[in-house]
Amino acid sequence: MTTILLARHGQASFGQENYDQLSKLGGMQAQMLGQHYASTQRRIDAIFTGSLVRQQDSARHFWERYQSSVADTEKPYTPAIDINQPDSYVLPQFDEFNHKDVLIKSNPAFGNRAAIAAEIAQAEVPSTRLAELFDAAMQRWHAGDNDSDYIESWVQFSERAKQALEQVRLQVANLQLGRDDTVLVFTSGGIIAAITAQLLQQGSSTAYQINKSLVNTGVTSLTIKNERTRLLSVNEYSHLFSEGKRFVTWR
């Protein structure tokens, strides 16, 4: 049986020019997950990520803390995937949807980033207005009534998420890890939500609600046995509680 842990990347740079980079908190969140798995002696046999910087950096932060914190064992092990060799663990199928395209296509007035920035700047609380615009854009994308507008429609994205999970299955089979192996994948909320909705046999509206609830470095667990995939848990983030502090963010 193979256990697949789908972890959302750490906090990125929402609202910044370059979203695809971890914030300081994002790196800390990934390290906390590594510390948690080390302290609970959770064995990680392989790590995969999408090709995005925030996903790969989350994996590196996780692995550095995991390696330094894991208790000494009689037989130390190295995961089948070398985190220092990007070509060996990067699966682009796990990349997030193009959120900039989804936002721009949501309104004819948003022909470019400058138009969106101007709209946000006029708001009394810019961050709240940005969240409102993004929510409306996501609902339009998920609805499926304007699929031809997008670089990648929701239907196409959902199918890619399905292919991403299948790609991990193939990779695990090729690695021949063992009878009971655990694979950790750092990806993004959209991918995790799409896979979860598929396993629940639900549609795009459910996927969108799941996506809105996913926290940074929250882990969704599933198992594969005899070619059957089973969902075990969704959005587990107990590792983000430390000494009474809560290191949780939804962005």
Foldseek 3Di string as FASTA:
>chain_A
DEKEKEFEQFQFDPPDPDRQHHDPLRLVLLLLVLLVCQVVVPDAQEEAEAPTNRLLSSVVSSVVNNVVRHDDDPDDDDHPADSVDNVRHYDNLQEDFDLLLLLQLLDVQSVDPVSVVVVLVVDPHSVVVVVVSSVSSLVVQLVPPPQVSGPAGLVRNLVSLVVVVVVVVVVCVVSCRDDYHYYYYHGHLLSLLSVVCVLVVHGSVSSVVLSQPAKHRFIWMWDADPNDIGTDDHRHRPSQADPNDGSTDSD
